Amino acid sequence: MKIKNVVDYMLEELDKNGVLHQKDLVNIIKEKFGEQFVFTNSHGTLSIDRKVIREFNKVKSKDILWNKETYCWR
């Protein structure tokens, strides 16, 4: 699997559902694509790898925004 596969999945899910909640997405990414695309942050919480996030931010449309309060993309 490659980062592009994860990003493509994220874009498809966002298009289908209109929202991507990080807390749900991180577990799906781990199960579907592998542990190399997630990490445990300094708070002990599982997070999406920064390389995935950077690539996602490069290819997503400008209409897709990150909501800091709800930890999701819309």
N, C-alpha and C. Protein backbone atom coordinates (compact mmCIF):
# COMPACT_ATOMS: atom_id res chain seq x y z
N MET A 1 0.83 -1.18 0.00
CA MET A 1 0.00 0.00 0.00
C MET A 1 0.88 1.25 0.00
N LYS A 2 0.33 2.30 -0.57
CA LYS A 2 1.04 3.56 -0.65
C LYS A 2 0.18 4.67 -0.04
N ILE A 3 0.83 5.77 0.26
CA ILE A 3 0.12 6.93 0.82
C ILE A 3 -1.00 7.34 -0.12
N LYS A 4 -0.77 7.28 -1.42
CA LYS A 4 -1.79 7.64 -2.39
C LYS A 4 -3.05 6.82 -2.21
N ASN A 5 -2.93 5.54 -1.90
CA ASN A 5 -4.09 4.69 -1.67
C ASN A 5 -4.92 5.20 -0.48
N VAL A 6 -4.23 5.59 0.58
CA VAL A 6 -4.91 6.09 1.77
C VAL A 6 -5.61 7.41 1.45
N VAL A 7 -4.92 8.30 0.77
CA VAL A 7 -5.48 9.60 0.42
C VAL A 7 -6.68 9.43 -0.52
N ASP A 8 -6.57 8.56 -1.49
CA ASP A 8 -7.70 8.30 -2.39
C ASP A 8 -8.90 7.80 -1.62
N TYR A 9 -8.66 6.91 -0.67
CA TYR A 9 -9.74 6.40 0.17
C TYR A 9 -10.39 7.54 0.97
N MET A 10 -9.57 8.39 1.55
CA MET A 10 -10.08 9.52 2.33
C MET A 10 -10.95 10.43 1.46
N LEU A 11 -10.50 10.72 0.26
CA LEU A 11 -11.26 11.58 -0.65
C LEU A 11 -12.59 10.94 -1.06
N GLU A 12 -12.55 9.64 -1.32
CA GLU A 12 -13.78 8.92 -1.68
C GLU A 12 -14.79 8.94 -0.53
N GLU A 13 -14.31 8.68 0.66
CA GLU A 13 -15.20 8.68 1.83
C GLU A 13 -15.76 10.07 2.11
N LEU A 14 -14.94 11.07 1.94
CA LEU A 14 -15.40 12.44 2.14
C LEU A 14 -16.46 12.82 1.10
N ASP A 15 -16.23 12.41 -0.12
CA ASP A 15 -17.19 12.67 -1.19
C ASP A 15 -18.51 11.95 -0.92
N LYS A 16 -18.42 10.73 -0.44
CA LYS A 16 -19.61 9.92 -0.17
C LYS A 16 -20.38 10.41 1.05
N ASN A 17 -19.67 10.77 2.12
CA ASN A 17 -20.31 11.07 3.41
C ASN A 17 -20.37 12.56 3.75
N GLY A 18 -19.56 13.37 3.08
CA GLY A 18 -19.55 14.80 3.36
C GLY A 18 -18.74 15.20 4.57
N VAL A 19 -18.25 14.23 5.32
CA VAL A 19 -17.47 14.52 6.52
C VAL A 19 -16.54 13.33 6.81
N LEU A 20 -15.36 13.63 7.36
CA LEU A 20 -14.41 12.60 7.78
C LEU A 20 -14.01 12.90 9.21
N HIS A 21 -14.40 12.06 10.14
CA HIS A 21 -14.02 12.22 11.53
C HIS A 21 -12.71 11.48 11.77
N GLN A 22 -11.72 12.20 12.26
CA GLN A 22 -10.40 11.61 12.45
C GLN A 22 -10.43 10.40 13.38
N LYS A 23 -11.22 10.46 14.47
CA LYS A 23 -11.23 9.36 15.43
C LYS A 23 -11.71 8.05 14.80
N ASP A 24 -12.64 8.14 13.85
CA ASP A 24 -13.11 6.94 13.16
C ASP A 24 -12.14 6.54 12.06
N LEU A 25 -11.67 7.52 11.33
CA LEU A 25 -10.82 7.29 10.18
C LEU A 25 -9.49 6.64 10.53
N VAL A 26 -8.91 7.03 11.65
CA VAL A 26 -7.59 6.52 12.01
C VAL A 26 -7.62 5.01 12.21
N ASN A 27 -8.68 4.49 12.80
CA ASN A 27 -8.78 3.04 13.00
C ASN A 27 -9.02 2.31 11.69
N ILE A 28 -9.81 2.92 10.81
CA ILE A 28 -10.05 2.32 9.50
C ILE A 28 -8.75 2.26 8.70
N ILE A 29 -7.99 3.35 8.72
CA ILE A 29 -6.71 3.39 8.01
C ILE A 29 -5.78 2.31 8.54
N LYS A 30 -5.70 2.18 9.84
CA LYS A 30 -4.83 1.17 10.44
C LYS A 30 -5.22 -0.23 9.99
N GLU A 31 -6.51 -0.54 10.03
CA GLU A 31 -6.99 -1.88 9.66
C GLU A 31 -6.90 -2.14 8.16
N LYS A 32 -7.29 -1.15 7.38
CA LYS A 32 -7.39 -1.34 5.93
C LYS A 32 -6.05 -1.20 5.20
N PHE A 33 -5.18 -0.30 5.69
CA PHE A 33 -3.95 0.01 4.96
C PHE A 33 -2.67 -0.34 5.72
N GLY A 34 -2.75 -0.46 7.04
CA GLY A 34 -1.57 -0.86 7.81
C GLY A 34 -1.10 0.18 8.81
N GLU A 35 -0.34 -0.30 9.77
CA GLU A 35 0.14 0.54 10.87
C GLU A 35 1.13 1.61 10.43
N GLN A 36 1.74 1.45 9.26
CA GLN A 36 2.71 2.44 8.80
C GLN A 36 2.07 3.79 8.48
N PHE A 37 0.74 3.84 8.41
CA PHE A 37 0.04 5.08 8.08
C PHE A 37 -0.58 5.76 9.30
N VAL A 38 -0.28 5.25 10.48
CA VAL A 38 -0.76 5.86 11.73
C VAL A 38 0.38 5.87 12.73
N PHE A 39 0.23 6.64 13.81
CA PHE A 39 1.22 6.66 14.87
C PHE A 39 0.53 7.05 16.17
N THR A 40 1.18 6.79 17.28
CA THR A 40 0.67 7.20 18.58
C THR A 40 1.32 8.54 18.92
N ASN A 41 0.48 9.56 19.12
CA ASN A 41 1.01 10.89 19.38
C ASN A 41 1.44 11.05 20.84
N SER A 42 1.90 12.23 21.19
CA SER A 42 2.43 12.48 22.54
C SER A 42 1.36 12.37 23.62
N HIS A 43 0.10 12.42 23.25
CA HIS A 43 -1.00 12.27 24.21
C HIS A 43 -1.42 10.81 24.34
N GLY A 44 -0.76 9.92 23.61
CA GLY A 44 -1.09 8.50 23.65
C GLY A 44 -2.27 8.13 22.77
N THR A 45 -2.65 9.03 21.88
CA THR A 45 -3.78 8.82 20.99
C THR A 45 -3.30 8.40 19.61
N LEU A 46 -3.99 7.46 19.01
CA LEU A 46 -3.66 7.05 17.65
C LEU A 46 -4.03 8.17 16.68
N SER A 47 -3.10 8.52 15.79
CA SER A 47 -3.30 9.61 14.84
C SER A 47 -2.89 9.18 13.44
N ILE A 48 -3.37 9.90 12.47
CA ILE A 48 -3.01 9.64 11.08
C ILE A 48 -1.61 10.18 10.84
N ASP A 49 -0.78 9.40 10.18
CA ASP A 49 0.60 9.79 9.91
C ASP A 49 0.64 11.15 9.21
N ARG A 50 1.60 11.95 9.58
CA ARG A 50 1.73 13.30 9.03
C ARG A 50 1.97 13.31 7.52
N LYS A 51 2.64 12.28 7.01
CA LYS A 51 2.87 12.19 5.57
C LYS A 51 1.54 12.04 4.83
N VAL A 52 0.63 11.28 5.41
CA VAL A 52 -0.69 11.11 4.80
C VAL A 52 -1.44 12.44 4.82
N ILE A 53 -1.41 13.12 5.95
CA ILE A 53 -2.10 14.40 6.09
C ILE A 53 -1.55 15.42 5.10
N ARG A 54 -0.23 15.49 4.98
CA ARG A 54 0.38 16.44 4.05
C ARG A 54 -0.07 16.16 2.61
N GLU A 55 -0.06 14.90 2.22
CA GLU A 55 -0.48 14.55 0.86
C GLU A 55 -1.96 14.84 0.65
N PHE A 56 -2.77 14.52 1.65
CA PHE A 56 -4.20 14.80 1.58
C PHE A 56 -4.44 16.30 1.38
N ASN A 57 -3.73 17.12 2.14
CA ASN A 57 -3.88 18.57 2.03
C ASN A 57 -3.44 19.10 0.67
N LYS A 58 -2.50 18.43 0.03
CA LYS A 58 -2.04 18.86 -1.29
C LYS A 58 -3.10 18.62 -2.36
N VAL A 59 -3.83 17.51 -2.24
CA VAL A 59 -4.73 17.11 -3.33
C VAL A 59 -6.20 17.44 -3.09
N LYS A 60 -6.58 17.73 -1.86
CA LYS A 60 -7.99 18.02 -1.58
C LYS A 60 -8.37 19.38 -2.17
N SER A 61 -9.64 19.55 -2.42
CA SER A 61 -10.09 20.84 -2.93
C SER A 61 -10.06 21.87 -1.82
N LYS A 62 -10.05 23.13 -2.20
CA LYS A 62 -10.01 24.21 -1.22
C LYS A 62 -11.31 24.32 -0.44
N ASP A 63 -12.35 23.66 -0.92
CA ASP A 63 -13.63 23.66 -0.22
C ASP A 63 -13.62 22.76 1.01
N ILE A 64 -12.68 21.85 1.08
CA ILE A 64 -12.59 20.91 2.20
C ILE A 64 -11.78 21.57 3.31
N LEU A 65 -12.41 21.71 4.46
CA LEU A 65 -11.78 22.39 5.59
C LEU A 65 -11.68 21.48 6.80
N TRP A 66 -10.67 21.72 7.60
CA TRP A 66 -10.45 21.01 8.86
C TRP A 66 -11.17 21.77 9.97
N ASN A 67 -11.99 21.07 10.75
CA ASN A 67 -12.69 21.66 11.88
C ASN A 67 -11.95 21.25 13.15
N LYS A 68 -11.27 22.20 13.79
CA LYS A 68 -10.46 21.90 14.98
C LYS A 68 -11.30 21.49 16.17
N GLU A 69 -12.52 21.96 16.23
CA GLU A 69 -13.38 21.66 17.38
C GLU A 69 -13.90 20.23 17.35
N THR A 70 -14.22 19.74 16.16
CA THR A 70 -14.80 18.40 16.05
C THR A 70 -13.82 17.38 15.46
N TYR A 71 -12.61 17.82 15.16
CA TYR A 71 -11.57 16.95 14.59
C TYR A 71 -12.07 16.20 13.36
N CYS A 72 -12.55 16.98 12.40
CA CYS A 72 -13.03 16.35 11.17
C CYS A 72 -12.81 17.28 9.98
N TRP A 73 -12.83 16.68 8.80
CA TRP A 73 -12.81 17.45 7.56
C TRP A 73 -14.24 17.50 7.04
N ARG A 74 -14.60 18.63 6.47
CA ARG A 74 -15.93 18.81 5.87
C ARG A 74 -15.78 19.42 4.49
